[in-house]
Amino acid sequence: MHRNTRIIKSALLFACCFLFICCSGPARGARESRSIAVYLDRGGDDKATKQMGAWMEGDIKNVLARRGGYNVRIISSRDEFKSGQGEYLVTLKIIRYNPGSKAARIIVGFGAGYASLDIHYELIGPSGNTLISKDDGCATSLDWQRLGRKLNENILAAIQPRIAAGDLSPEAAVTPAPAKTTEAADPKNIAEQLRQLEELHEQKLITDDEYKQKRKKILDTL
């Protein structure tokens, strides 16, 4: 009896593992189809900005890979990205970073000593098209890492729909306006215009040449 129970449990465990592998396999394959190179320009030589840049560089790789499901590599130079190879590029530049005062945040609280961060980022498609070019920023009275995490998450939220839409420039993605169509002229209206023109001609109010030109113009609307 106990032996049969162990066999049933083993069979159920095997079935669960098999279903998990089958269901999770396609998702992993889908993630592998998108690759992103990340280049971060720290934009300053001061210690605080370098610290923030180094932290954001590591964090954005985790955010894009774990939450976005992308293959991510960090590059040290913009020139390392080569268009035409199916890879996207995210460039990130720190414009301004104010680390604030940690002491004021701890002792005073209520928003005192807040830290702020302003960045500019771009998404470049595999063909070299600039798909996104945007400024962003935020501030916090809590830990400075929250600034980097918030902006990295904003970048992920912005690039996901653009990557899903494909490598189209913003101009190419705009649907062209439908061409204007002209309605066919009303035969009754044309007949009335011809009748009036004939009367003007009979009354010698227009010359023969004017009559012929206007008559032709009216008939061309048919």
N, C-alpha and C. Protein backbone atom coordinates (compact mmCIF):
# COMPACT_ATOMS: atom_id res chain seq x y z
N MET A 1 0.83 -1.21 0.00
CA MET A 1 0.00 0.00 0.00
C MET A 1 0.87 1.26 0.00
N HIS A 2 1.86 1.29 0.92
CA HIS A 2 2.75 2.45 1.00
C HIS A 2 3.58 2.57 -0.27
N ARG A 3 3.95 1.43 -0.84
CA ARG A 3 4.74 1.46 -2.07
C ARG A 3 3.95 2.07 -3.21
N ASN A 4 2.67 1.70 -3.31
CA ASN A 4 1.82 2.27 -4.37
C ASN A 4 1.66 3.78 -4.19
N THR A 5 1.56 4.22 -2.94
CA THR A 5 1.41 5.66 -2.67
C THR A 5 2.65 6.41 -3.12
N ARG A 6 3.84 5.83 -2.84
CA ARG A 6 5.08 6.49 -3.26
C ARG A 6 5.18 6.56 -4.78
N ILE A 7 4.73 5.51 -5.45
CA ILE A 7 4.77 5.49 -6.92
C ILE A 7 3.86 6.58 -7.49
N ILE A 8 2.66 6.71 -6.90
CA ILE A 8 1.71 7.72 -7.38
C ILE A 8 2.27 9.12 -7.16
N LYS A 9 2.88 9.36 -5.98
CA LYS A 9 3.45 10.67 -5.70
C LYS A 9 4.59 11.00 -6.67
N SER A 10 5.42 10.00 -6.96
CA SER A 10 6.53 10.21 -7.88
C SER A 10 6.02 10.53 -9.28
N ALA A 11 4.96 9.83 -9.69
CA ALA A 11 4.39 10.08 -11.02
C ALA A 11 3.80 11.48 -11.11
N LEU A 12 3.11 11.91 -10.04
CA LEU A 12 2.54 13.25 -10.03
C LEU A 12 3.63 14.31 -10.06
N LEU A 13 4.72 14.09 -9.31
CA LEU A 13 5.82 15.04 -9.30
C LEU A 13 6.46 15.15 -10.67
N PHE A 14 6.64 14.00 -11.33
CA PHE A 14 7.22 13.99 -12.68
C PHE A 14 6.33 14.75 -13.66
N ALA A 15 5.01 14.53 -13.54
CA ALA A 15 4.06 15.20 -14.45
C ALA A 15 4.09 16.72 -14.24
N CYS A 16 4.18 17.15 -12.97
CA CYS A 16 4.23 18.59 -12.69
C CYS A 16 5.50 19.21 -13.27
N CYS A 17 6.63 18.53 -13.11
CA CYS A 17 7.89 19.04 -13.65
C CYS A 17 7.84 19.13 -15.16
N PHE A 18 7.24 18.12 -15.80
CA PHE A 18 7.14 18.10 -17.26
C PHE A 18 6.29 19.27 -17.76
N LEU A 19 5.15 19.51 -17.09
CA LEU A 19 4.28 20.62 -17.49
C LEU A 19 4.97 21.96 -17.29
N PHE A 20 5.73 22.10 -16.20
CA PHE A 20 6.44 23.35 -15.94
C PHE A 20 7.46 23.64 -17.02
N ILE A 21 8.20 22.61 -17.43
CA ILE A 21 9.22 22.79 -18.47
C ILE A 21 8.58 23.16 -19.79
N CYS A 22 7.47 22.49 -20.12
CA CYS A 22 6.79 22.76 -21.40
C CYS A 22 6.23 24.17 -21.44
N CYS A 23 5.67 24.61 -20.32
CA CYS A 23 5.04 25.94 -20.29
C CYS A 23 6.05 27.06 -20.24
N SER A 24 7.16 26.83 -19.54
CA SER A 24 8.14 27.90 -19.39
C SER A 24 9.11 27.97 -20.55
N GLY A 25 9.22 26.92 -21.34
CA GLY A 25 10.17 26.91 -22.45
C GLY A 25 9.94 28.00 -23.47
N PRO A 26 8.73 28.19 -24.02
CA PRO A 26 8.49 29.22 -25.02
C PRO A 26 8.77 30.62 -24.50
N ALA A 27 8.47 30.85 -23.20
CA ALA A 27 8.70 32.19 -22.66
C ALA A 27 10.17 32.54 -22.68
N ARG A 28 11.02 31.54 -22.32
CA ARG A 28 12.45 31.81 -22.35
C ARG A 28 12.92 32.05 -23.77
N GLY A 29 12.36 31.30 -24.70
CA GLY A 29 12.74 31.49 -26.10
C GLY A 29 12.36 32.85 -26.60
N ALA A 30 11.16 33.34 -26.16
CA ALA A 30 10.73 34.66 -26.61
C ALA A 30 11.65 35.75 -26.08
N ARG A 31 12.14 35.59 -24.84
CA ARG A 31 13.02 36.59 -24.28
C ARG A 31 14.33 36.66 -25.03
N GLU A 32 14.81 35.52 -25.50
CA GLU A 32 16.10 35.49 -26.16
C GLU A 32 16.07 36.18 -27.52
N SER A 33 14.88 36.50 -28.03
CA SER A 33 14.79 37.08 -29.36
C SER A 33 15.08 38.58 -29.37
N ARG A 34 15.15 39.23 -28.21
CA ARG A 34 15.40 40.66 -28.14
C ARG A 34 16.69 40.93 -27.38
N SER A 35 17.61 41.62 -28.01
CA SER A 35 18.88 41.96 -27.38
C SER A 35 19.03 43.47 -27.31
N ILE A 36 19.57 43.94 -26.19
CA ILE A 36 19.74 45.37 -25.97
C ILE A 36 21.16 45.64 -25.47
N ALA A 37 21.83 46.59 -26.10
CA ALA A 37 23.09 47.10 -25.59
C ALA A 37 22.80 48.39 -24.82
N VAL A 38 23.48 48.59 -23.71
CA VAL A 38 23.26 49.76 -22.87
C VAL A 38 24.57 50.54 -22.73
N TYR A 39 24.49 51.82 -23.07
CA TYR A 39 25.65 52.71 -22.88
C TYR A 39 25.25 53.83 -21.94
N LEU A 40 25.97 53.99 -20.83
CA LEU A 40 25.66 55.02 -19.85
C LEU A 40 26.77 56.05 -19.79
N ASP A 41 26.39 57.30 -20.05
CA ASP A 41 27.31 58.44 -19.94
C ASP A 41 27.05 59.11 -18.60
N ARG A 42 27.99 59.02 -17.69
CA ARG A 42 27.76 59.52 -16.34
C ARG A 42 27.75 61.04 -16.26
N GLY A 43 28.27 61.70 -17.26
CA GLY A 43 28.08 63.14 -17.39
C GLY A 43 28.74 64.01 -16.35
N GLY A 44 29.66 63.51 -15.57
CA GLY A 44 30.33 64.34 -14.56
C GLY A 44 31.49 63.59 -13.93
N ASP A 45 32.41 64.35 -13.35
CA ASP A 45 33.59 63.74 -12.75
C ASP A 45 33.53 63.70 -11.22
N ASP A 46 32.48 64.28 -10.63
CA ASP A 46 32.42 64.28 -9.17
C ASP A 46 32.08 62.88 -8.65
N LYS A 47 32.48 62.63 -7.43
CA LYS A 47 32.36 61.30 -6.84
C LYS A 47 30.91 60.84 -6.76
N ALA A 48 30.01 61.75 -6.38
CA ALA A 48 28.61 61.37 -6.20
C ALA A 48 27.98 60.94 -7.53
N THR A 49 28.28 61.69 -8.61
CA THR A 49 27.72 61.35 -9.92
C THR A 49 28.28 60.03 -10.42
N LYS A 50 29.56 59.80 -10.21
CA LYS A 50 30.16 58.53 -10.61
C LYS A 50 29.52 57.36 -9.86
N GLN A 51 29.27 57.58 -8.56
CA GLN A 51 28.64 56.54 -7.76
C GLN A 51 27.24 56.23 -8.28
N MET A 52 26.47 57.28 -8.57
CA MET A 52 25.13 57.08 -9.10
C MET A 52 25.18 56.38 -10.46
N GLY A 53 26.10 56.81 -11.32
CA GLY A 53 26.22 56.19 -12.64
C GLY A 53 26.56 54.72 -12.57
N ALA A 54 27.49 54.37 -11.70
CA ALA A 54 27.88 52.96 -11.55
C ALA A 54 26.71 52.13 -11.04
N TRP A 55 25.96 52.69 -10.10
CA TRP A 55 24.82 51.95 -9.55
C TRP A 55 23.72 51.78 -10.60
N MET A 56 23.42 52.85 -11.35
CA MET A 56 22.37 52.76 -12.38
C MET A 56 22.76 51.80 -13.48
N GLU A 57 24.03 51.75 -13.82
CA GLU A 57 24.49 50.85 -14.88
C GLU A 57 24.21 49.40 -14.53
N GLY A 58 24.52 49.04 -13.28
CA GLY A 58 24.23 47.67 -12.86
C GLY A 58 22.75 47.41 -12.70
N ASP A 59 22.02 48.42 -12.21
CA ASP A 59 20.60 48.23 -11.96
C ASP A 59 19.79 48.14 -13.24
N ILE A 60 20.13 48.96 -14.25
CA ILE A 60 19.34 48.93 -15.48
C ILE A 60 19.50 47.59 -16.20
N LYS A 61 20.66 46.99 -16.05
CA LYS A 61 20.85 45.66 -16.64
C LYS A 61 19.90 44.66 -16.00
N ASN A 62 19.78 44.73 -14.67
CA ASN A 62 18.87 43.82 -13.97
C ASN A 62 17.41 44.11 -14.31
N VAL A 63 17.05 45.40 -14.38
CA VAL A 63 15.66 45.77 -14.68
C VAL A 63 15.26 45.29 -16.07
N LEU A 64 16.12 45.55 -17.07
CA LEU A 64 15.79 45.16 -18.44
C LEU A 64 15.78 43.65 -18.61
N ALA A 65 16.69 42.96 -17.93
CA ALA A 65 16.79 41.50 -18.09
C ALA A 65 15.71 40.77 -17.30
N ARG A 66 15.56 41.11 -16.03
CA ARG A 66 14.64 40.35 -15.18
C ARG A 66 13.19 40.76 -15.37
N ARG A 67 12.93 42.05 -15.51
CA ARG A 67 11.55 42.50 -15.66
C ARG A 67 11.12 42.58 -17.12
N GLY A 68 12.06 42.93 -17.98
CA GLY A 68 11.71 43.06 -19.40
C GLY A 68 11.94 41.80 -20.20
N GLY A 69 12.78 40.90 -19.70
CA GLY A 69 13.04 39.66 -20.41
C GLY A 69 13.99 39.80 -21.59
N TYR A 70 14.84 40.84 -21.59
CA TYR A 70 15.76 41.07 -22.70
C TYR A 70 17.14 40.51 -22.39
N ASN A 71 17.89 40.22 -23.45
CA ASN A 71 19.31 39.94 -23.31
C ASN A 71 20.04 41.27 -23.28
N VAL A 72 20.77 41.55 -22.24
CA VAL A 72 21.36 42.87 -22.05
C VAL A 72 22.87 42.76 -21.92
N ARG A 73 23.56 43.66 -22.60
CA ARG A 73 25.01 43.78 -22.41
C ARG A 73 25.35 45.25 -22.22
N ILE A 74 26.29 45.52 -21.34
CA ILE A 74 26.75 46.88 -21.07
C ILE A 74 27.95 47.16 -21.96
N ILE A 75 27.94 48.29 -22.65
CA ILE A 75 29.07 48.66 -23.50
C ILE A 75 29.72 49.92 -22.94
N SER A 76 31.01 50.04 -23.11
CA SER A 76 31.76 51.17 -22.55
C SER A 76 31.90 52.32 -23.53
N SER A 77 31.52 52.09 -24.80
CA SER A 77 31.61 53.12 -25.82
C SER A 77 30.42 53.01 -26.76
N ARG A 78 29.91 54.15 -27.17
CA ARG A 78 28.78 54.19 -28.11
C ARG A 78 29.14 53.48 -29.41
N ASP A 79 30.41 53.51 -29.78
CA ASP A 79 30.86 52.92 -31.04
C ASP A 79 30.80 51.39 -31.03
N GLU A 80 30.64 50.79 -29.86
CA GLU A 80 30.56 49.33 -29.80
C GLU A 80 29.24 48.81 -30.36
N PHE A 81 28.26 49.69 -30.46
CA PHE A 81 26.98 49.28 -31.04
C PHE A 81 27.06 49.38 -32.56
N LYS A 82 26.70 48.31 -33.23
CA LYS A 82 26.71 48.26 -34.69
C LYS A 82 25.29 48.02 -35.19
N SER A 83 24.80 48.93 -36.02
CA SER A 83 23.45 48.76 -36.56
C SER A 83 23.43 47.62 -37.57
N GLY A 84 22.24 47.11 -37.82
CA GLY A 84 22.08 46.05 -38.80
C GLY A 84 22.32 44.66 -38.26
N GLN A 85 22.44 44.52 -36.93
CA GLN A 85 22.70 43.21 -36.34
C GLN A 85 21.56 42.74 -35.45
N GLY A 86 20.41 43.39 -35.55
CA GLY A 86 19.23 42.95 -34.81
C GLY A 86 19.22 43.35 -33.35
N GLU A 87 20.14 44.20 -32.93
CA GLU A 87 20.24 44.61 -31.53
C GLU A 87 19.76 46.04 -31.36
N TYR A 88 19.08 46.31 -30.25
CA TYR A 88 18.67 47.67 -29.89
C TYR A 88 19.74 48.30 -29.00
N LEU A 89 19.72 49.63 -28.95
CA LEU A 89 20.67 50.35 -28.09
C LEU A 89 19.91 51.32 -27.21
N VAL A 90 20.20 51.29 -25.91
CA VAL A 90 19.68 52.27 -24.96
C VAL A 90 20.87 53.11 -24.49
N THR A 91 20.81 54.41 -24.74
CA THR A 91 21.84 55.31 -24.23
C THR A 91 21.24 56.12 -23.09
N LEU A 92 22.02 56.31 -22.05
CA LEU A 92 21.54 57.00 -20.85
C LEU A 92 22.61 57.98 -20.40
N LYS A 93 22.23 59.24 -20.23
CA LYS A 93 23.18 60.26 -19.78
C LYS A 93 22.64 60.96 -18.54
N ILE A 94 23.49 61.07 -17.53
CA ILE A 94 23.13 61.81 -16.32
C ILE A 94 23.37 63.30 -16.59
N ILE A 95 22.31 64.07 -16.54
CA ILE A 95 22.40 65.52 -16.79
C ILE A 95 22.76 66.26 -15.50
N ARG A 96 22.00 66.01 -14.45
CA ARG A 96 22.24 66.64 -13.15
C ARG A 96 21.94 65.65 -12.04
N TYR A 97 22.81 65.63 -11.04
CA TYR A 97 22.54 64.80 -9.87
C TYR A 97 22.86 65.59 -8.61
N ASN A 98 21.86 65.73 -7.76
CA ASN A 98 22.03 66.40 -6.47
C ASN A 98 21.81 65.35 -5.38
N PRO A 99 22.89 64.92 -4.72
CA PRO A 99 22.73 63.87 -3.70
C PRO A 99 22.00 64.33 -2.46
N GLY A 100 21.81 65.65 -2.30
CA GLY A 100 21.12 66.15 -1.12
C GLY A 100 21.93 65.94 0.15
N SER A 101 21.24 65.94 1.27
CA SER A 101 21.89 65.77 2.58
C SER A 101 21.28 64.58 3.30
N LYS A 102 22.07 63.54 3.46
CA LYS A 102 21.59 62.35 4.16
C LYS A 102 21.26 62.68 5.61
N ALA A 103 22.10 63.53 6.23
CA ALA A 103 21.86 63.90 7.62
C ALA A 103 20.52 64.61 7.79
N ALA A 104 20.23 65.54 6.85
CA ALA A 104 18.95 66.26 6.93
C ALA A 104 17.78 65.32 6.71
N ARG A 105 17.96 64.36 5.81
CA ARG A 105 16.87 63.41 5.56
C ARG A 105 16.58 62.56 6.80
N ILE A 106 17.66 62.21 7.54
CA ILE A 106 17.48 61.35 8.71
C ILE A 106 16.99 62.14 9.92
N ILE A 107 17.62 63.30 10.15
CA ILE A 107 17.34 64.05 11.38
C ILE A 107 16.07 64.90 11.24
N VAL A 108 15.98 65.65 10.14
CA VAL A 108 14.86 66.58 9.98
C VAL A 108 13.64 65.88 9.39
N GLY A 109 13.86 65.16 8.29
CA GLY A 109 12.74 64.50 7.63
C GLY A 109 11.84 65.49 6.92
N PHE A 110 10.62 65.11 6.64
CA PHE A 110 9.61 65.96 6.00
C PHE A 110 10.13 66.57 4.69
N GLY A 111 10.91 65.81 3.91
CA GLY A 111 11.38 66.29 2.62
C GLY A 111 12.67 67.07 2.66
N ALA A 112 13.22 67.30 3.85
CA ALA A 112 14.47 68.06 3.95
C ALA A 112 15.63 67.24 3.38
N GLY A 113 16.58 67.94 2.75
CA GLY A 113 17.77 67.28 2.22
C GLY A 113 17.49 66.32 1.08
N TYR A 114 16.41 66.56 0.34
CA TYR A 114 16.03 65.62 -0.72
C TYR A 114 17.10 65.53 -1.80
N ALA A 115 17.15 64.38 -2.46
CA ALA A 115 18.06 64.15 -3.58
C ALA A 115 17.27 64.20 -4.88
N SER A 116 17.93 64.64 -5.97
CA SER A 116 17.24 64.73 -7.26
C SER A 116 18.18 64.27 -8.37
N LEU A 117 17.58 63.79 -9.44
CA LEU A 117 18.35 63.26 -10.57
C LEU A 117 17.62 63.57 -11.87
N ASP A 118 18.34 64.12 -12.84
CA ASP A 118 17.81 64.39 -14.18
C ASP A 118 18.65 63.64 -15.20
N ILE A 119 17.97 62.99 -16.14
CA ILE A 119 18.68 62.20 -17.15
C ILE A 119 18.10 62.47 -18.54
N HIS A 120 18.83 62.02 -19.54
CA HIS A 120 18.33 61.98 -20.92
C HIS A 120 18.63 60.58 -21.44
N TYR A 121 17.63 59.95 -22.08
CA TYR A 121 17.87 58.62 -22.62
C TYR A 121 17.30 58.51 -24.03
N GLU A 122 17.86 57.58 -24.78
CA GLU A 122 17.40 57.33 -26.15
C GLU A 122 17.32 55.83 -26.40
N LEU A 123 16.41 55.47 -27.29
CA LEU A 123 16.32 54.09 -27.78
C LEU A 123 16.61 54.11 -29.27
N ILE A 124 17.64 53.38 -29.68
CA ILE A 124 18.05 53.30 -31.07
C ILE A 124 17.68 51.91 -31.60
N GLY A 125 17.03 51.85 -32.76
CA GLY A 125 16.64 50.58 -33.34
C GLY A 125 17.79 49.87 -34.02
N PRO A 126 17.61 48.61 -34.39
CA PRO A 126 18.66 47.84 -35.06
C PRO A 126 19.16 48.48 -36.35
N SER A 127 18.30 49.24 -37.03
CA SER A 127 18.72 49.88 -38.28
C SER A 127 19.36 51.24 -38.05
N GLY A 128 19.43 51.68 -36.79
CA GLY A 128 20.03 52.97 -36.48
C GLY A 128 19.03 54.09 -36.31
N ASN A 129 17.73 53.80 -36.46
CA ASN A 129 16.70 54.82 -36.26
C ASN A 129 16.59 55.19 -34.79
N THR A 130 16.41 56.48 -34.50
CA THR A 130 16.15 56.93 -33.13
C THR A 130 14.66 56.78 -32.87
N LEU A 131 14.30 55.83 -32.02
CA LEU A 131 12.89 55.54 -31.75
C LEU A 131 12.35 56.36 -30.59
N ILE A 132 13.20 56.66 -29.61
CA ILE A 132 12.80 57.47 -28.45
C ILE A 132 13.96 58.39 -28.10
N SER A 133 13.65 59.64 -27.79
CA SER A 133 14.63 60.59 -27.26
C SER A 133 13.90 61.42 -26.22
N LYS A 134 14.26 61.23 -24.95
CA LYS A 134 13.42 61.79 -23.89
C LYS A 134 14.24 62.22 -22.68
N ASP A 135 13.80 63.31 -22.04
CA ASP A 135 14.35 63.74 -20.75
C ASP A 135 13.44 63.22 -19.64
N ASP A 136 14.04 62.91 -18.50
CA ASP A 136 13.25 62.43 -17.36
C ASP A 136 13.98 62.83 -16.08
N GLY A 137 13.27 62.83 -14.99
CA GLY A 137 13.87 63.19 -13.72
C GLY A 137 12.93 62.90 -12.57
N CYS A 138 13.49 62.85 -11.36
CA CYS A 138 12.68 62.64 -10.17
C CYS A 138 13.46 63.09 -8.95
N ALA A 139 12.79 63.14 -7.81
CA ALA A 139 13.41 63.54 -6.55
C ALA A 139 12.86 62.67 -5.44
N THR A 140 13.62 62.53 -4.36
CA THR A 140 13.17 61.73 -3.23
C THR A 140 13.82 62.22 -1.95
N SER A 141 13.11 62.02 -0.85
CA SER A 141 13.67 62.32 0.46
C SER A 141 14.11 61.03 1.15
N LEU A 142 14.09 59.92 0.38
CA LEU A 142 14.51 58.63 0.91
C LEU A 142 15.90 58.28 0.36
N ASP A 143 16.24 57.02 0.28
CA ASP A 143 17.56 56.62 -0.19
C ASP A 143 17.79 57.05 -1.63
N TRP A 144 19.03 57.45 -1.95
CA TRP A 144 19.34 57.94 -3.29
C TRP A 144 19.19 56.86 -4.36
N GLN A 145 19.31 55.57 -3.97
CA GLN A 145 19.15 54.51 -4.96
C GLN A 145 17.74 54.48 -5.56
N ARG A 146 16.78 55.02 -4.81
CA ARG A 146 15.40 55.05 -5.32
C ARG A 146 15.29 55.90 -6.58
N LEU A 147 16.16 56.92 -6.68
CA LEU A 147 16.15 57.76 -7.88
C LEU A 147 16.52 56.94 -9.11
N GLY A 148 17.64 56.23 -9.00
CA GLY A 148 18.09 55.43 -10.13
C GLY A 148 17.11 54.33 -10.50
N ARG A 149 16.55 53.66 -9.49
CA ARG A 149 15.61 52.57 -9.76
C ARG A 149 14.35 53.10 -10.44
N LYS A 150 13.83 54.23 -9.96
CA LYS A 150 12.61 54.80 -10.54
C LYS A 150 12.83 55.16 -12.01
N LEU A 151 13.95 55.80 -12.33
CA LEU A 151 14.19 56.22 -13.71
C LEU A 151 14.50 55.02 -14.60
N ASN A 152 15.18 54.01 -14.08
CA ASN A 152 15.41 52.80 -14.86
C ASN A 152 14.09 52.10 -15.19
N GLU A 153 13.18 52.08 -14.23
CA GLU A 153 11.86 51.48 -14.47
C GLU A 153 11.08 52.30 -15.50
N ASN A 154 11.23 53.63 -15.45
CA ASN A 154 10.57 54.49 -16.45
C ASN A 154 11.09 54.18 -17.86
N ILE A 155 12.40 53.95 -17.95
CA ILE A 155 12.99 53.62 -19.25
C ILE A 155 12.40 52.32 -19.78
N LEU A 156 12.32 51.31 -18.93
CA LEU A 156 11.74 50.03 -19.35
C LEU A 156 10.31 50.21 -19.84
N ALA A 157 9.51 50.96 -19.08
CA ALA A 157 8.10 51.17 -19.46
C ALA A 157 7.99 51.89 -20.80
N ALA A 158 8.95 52.77 -21.10
CA ALA A 158 8.89 53.53 -22.35
C ALA A 158 9.34 52.71 -23.56
N ILE A 159 10.36 51.88 -23.38
CA ILE A 159 10.92 51.18 -24.54
C ILE A 159 10.16 49.91 -24.90
N GLN A 160 9.47 49.31 -23.95
CA GLN A 160 8.78 48.04 -24.24
C GLN A 160 7.79 48.15 -25.40
N PRO A 161 6.86 49.13 -25.40
CA PRO A 161 5.93 49.20 -26.53
C PRO A 161 6.60 49.57 -27.84
N ARG A 162 7.69 50.35 -27.80
CA ARG A 162 8.37 50.73 -29.04
C ARG A 162 9.10 49.53 -29.64
N ILE A 163 9.72 48.71 -28.79
CA ILE A 163 10.38 47.51 -29.29
C ILE A 163 9.34 46.53 -29.83
N ALA A 164 8.21 46.42 -29.14
CA ALA A 164 7.14 45.53 -29.60
C ALA A 164 6.59 45.98 -30.95
N ALA A 165 6.60 47.30 -31.20
CA ALA A 165 6.08 47.83 -32.47
C ALA A 165 7.05 47.60 -33.62
N GLY A 166 8.30 47.30 -33.33
CA GLY A 166 9.28 47.06 -34.39
C GLY A 166 10.16 48.27 -34.65
N ASP A 167 11.13 48.07 -35.52
CA ASP A 167 12.14 49.10 -35.79
C ASP A 167 11.63 50.09 -36.83
N LEU A 168 10.65 50.90 -36.43
CA LEU A 168 10.11 51.94 -37.30
C LEU A 168 10.41 53.29 -36.70
N SER A 169 10.84 54.24 -37.52
CA SER A 169 11.05 55.59 -37.03
C SER A 169 9.70 56.18 -36.66
N PRO A 170 9.65 57.18 -35.76
CA PRO A 170 8.37 57.80 -35.40
C PRO A 170 7.62 58.33 -36.61
N GLU A 171 8.36 58.84 -37.62
CA GLU A 171 7.69 59.36 -38.81
C GLU A 171 7.04 58.23 -39.60
N ALA A 172 7.75 57.09 -39.71
CA ALA A 172 7.21 55.97 -40.48
C ALA A 172 6.04 55.31 -39.78
N ALA A 173 6.01 55.45 -38.43
CA ALA A 173 4.94 54.81 -37.68
C ALA A 173 3.63 55.57 -37.77
N VAL A 174 3.67 56.82 -38.25
CA VAL A 174 2.45 57.62 -38.37
C VAL A 174 1.64 57.16 -39.57
N THR A 175 0.38 56.89 -39.36
CA THR A 175 -0.48 56.46 -40.45
C THR A 175 -0.82 57.65 -41.33
N PRO A 176 -0.54 57.59 -42.63
CA PRO A 176 -0.83 58.72 -43.49
C PRO A 176 -2.33 59.00 -43.58
N ALA A 177 -2.66 60.27 -43.71
CA ALA A 177 -4.07 60.65 -43.81
C ALA A 177 -4.64 60.16 -45.13
N PRO A 178 -5.88 59.70 -45.13
CA PRO A 178 -6.48 59.21 -46.37
C PRO A 178 -6.61 60.33 -47.40
N ALA A 179 -6.41 59.98 -48.66
CA ALA A 179 -6.50 60.97 -49.73
C ALA A 179 -7.93 61.46 -49.87
N LYS A 180 -8.06 62.74 -50.16
CA LYS A 180 -9.38 63.32 -50.33
C LYS A 180 -9.99 62.84 -51.64
N THR A 181 -11.26 62.55 -51.59
CA THR A 181 -11.96 62.11 -52.79
C THR A 181 -12.94 63.19 -53.21
N THR A 182 -13.07 63.36 -54.50
CA THR A 182 -14.00 64.36 -55.03
C THR A 182 -15.29 63.68 -55.44
N GLU A 183 -16.39 64.29 -55.07
CA GLU A 183 -17.68 63.73 -55.41
C GLU A 183 -17.99 64.00 -56.88
N ALA A 184 -18.70 63.07 -57.48
CA ALA A 184 -19.09 63.23 -58.88
C ALA A 184 -20.05 64.41 -59.01
N ALA A 185 -19.89 65.17 -60.09
CA ALA A 185 -20.74 66.34 -60.30
C ALA A 185 -22.18 65.91 -60.55
N ASP A 186 -23.10 66.72 -60.07
CA ASP A 186 -24.53 66.44 -60.24
C ASP A 186 -24.94 66.81 -61.68
N PRO A 187 -25.45 65.84 -62.46
CA PRO A 187 -25.85 66.13 -63.85
C PRO A 187 -26.87 67.26 -63.95
N LYS A 188 -27.79 67.33 -62.97
CA LYS A 188 -28.80 68.40 -63.01
C LYS A 188 -28.14 69.77 -62.87
N ASN A 189 -27.14 69.84 -62.00
CA ASN A 189 -26.44 71.11 -61.81
C ASN A 189 -25.67 71.50 -63.06
N ILE A 190 -25.07 70.52 -63.73
CA ILE A 190 -24.33 70.79 -64.97
C ILE A 190 -25.27 71.30 -66.05
N ALA A 191 -26.43 70.67 -66.15
CA ALA A 191 -27.41 71.09 -67.16
C ALA A 191 -27.85 72.53 -66.92
N GLU A 192 -28.01 72.90 -65.65
CA GLU A 192 -28.42 74.26 -65.32
C GLU A 192 -27.31 75.26 -65.68
N GLN A 193 -26.05 74.88 -65.41
CA GLN A 193 -24.93 75.76 -65.74
C GLN A 193 -24.82 75.96 -67.25
N LEU A 194 -25.03 74.88 -68.01
CA LEU A 194 -24.97 74.99 -69.47
C LEU A 194 -26.10 75.87 -69.99
N ARG A 195 -27.28 75.75 -69.38
CA ARG A 195 -28.42 76.57 -69.82
C ARG A 195 -28.14 78.05 -69.58
N GLN A 196 -27.60 78.36 -68.40
CA GLN A 196 -27.29 79.75 -68.08
C GLN A 196 -26.20 80.29 -69.00
N LEU A 197 -25.22 79.44 -69.28
CA LEU A 197 -24.13 79.86 -70.17
C LEU A 197 -24.66 80.13 -71.58
N GLU A 198 -25.60 79.29 -72.01
CA GLU A 198 -26.19 79.47 -73.34
C GLU A 198 -26.95 80.80 -73.42
N GLU A 199 -27.67 81.14 -72.36
CA GLU A 199 -28.41 82.40 -72.34
C GLU A 199 -27.46 83.60 -72.40
N LEU A 200 -26.36 83.52 -71.67
CA LEU A 200 -25.39 84.61 -71.70
C LEU A 200 -24.79 84.78 -73.09
N HIS A 201 -24.57 83.66 -73.75
CA HIS A 201 -24.00 83.72 -75.10
C HIS A 201 -24.99 84.29 -76.10
N GLU A 202 -26.27 83.88 -75.98
CA GLU A 202 -27.29 84.38 -76.89
C GLU A 202 -27.51 85.88 -76.70
N GLN A 203 -27.35 86.35 -75.45
CA GLN A 203 -27.55 87.77 -75.18
C GLN A 203 -26.28 88.59 -75.47
N LYS A 204 -25.28 87.95 -76.04
CA LYS A 204 -24.03 88.61 -76.42
C LYS A 204 -23.29 89.19 -75.21
N LEU A 205 -23.50 88.55 -74.04
CA LEU A 205 -22.82 89.03 -72.84
C LEU A 205 -21.43 88.42 -72.70
N ILE A 206 -21.18 87.35 -73.43
CA ILE A 206 -19.84 86.75 -73.46
C ILE A 206 -19.49 86.46 -74.92
N THR A 207 -18.21 86.44 -75.22
CA THR A 207 -17.76 86.19 -76.59
C THR A 207 -17.85 84.71 -76.91
N ASP A 208 -17.65 84.41 -78.19
CA ASP A 208 -17.68 83.01 -78.62
C ASP A 208 -16.56 82.21 -77.94
N ASP A 209 -15.38 82.82 -77.85
CA ASP A 209 -14.26 82.11 -77.22
C ASP A 209 -14.53 81.85 -75.74
N GLU A 210 -15.07 82.85 -75.04
CA GLU A 210 -15.39 82.67 -73.63
C GLU A 210 -16.45 81.58 -73.45
N TYR A 211 -17.42 81.58 -74.36
CA TYR A 211 -18.48 80.58 -74.30
C TYR A 211 -17.89 79.17 -74.44
N LYS A 212 -17.01 78.99 -75.43
CA LYS A 212 -16.40 77.68 -75.66
C LYS A 212 -15.55 77.23 -74.47
N GLN A 213 -14.76 78.17 -73.92
CA GLN A 213 -13.89 77.82 -72.80
C GLN A 213 -14.69 77.41 -71.56
N LYS A 214 -15.72 78.20 -71.24
CA LYS A 214 -16.52 77.91 -70.05
C LYS A 214 -17.34 76.63 -70.23
N ARG A 215 -17.83 76.41 -71.46
CA ARG A 215 -18.59 75.20 -71.73
C ARG A 215 -17.71 73.96 -71.55
N LYS A 216 -16.49 74.06 -72.07
CA LYS A 216 -15.55 72.94 -71.92
C LYS A 216 -15.22 72.68 -70.45
N LYS A 217 -15.05 73.76 -69.69
CA LYS A 217 -14.72 73.63 -68.27
C LYS A 217 -15.85 72.94 -67.50
N ILE A 218 -17.10 73.29 -67.86
CA ILE A 218 -18.24 72.65 -67.19
C ILE A 218 -18.33 71.18 -67.54
N LEU A 219 -18.13 70.85 -68.82
CA LEU A 219 -18.23 69.46 -69.26
C LEU A 219 -17.09 68.60 -68.70
N ASP A 220 -15.95 69.22 -68.40
CA ASP A 220 -14.82 68.46 -67.85
C ASP A 220 -15.09 67.95 -66.44
N THR A 221 -16.10 68.51 -65.78
CA THR A 221 -16.43 68.05 -64.42
C THR A 221 -17.22 66.76 -64.42
N LEU A 222 -17.66 66.31 -65.59
CA LEU A 222 -18.42 65.06 -65.67
C LEU A 222 -17.52 63.86 -65.40
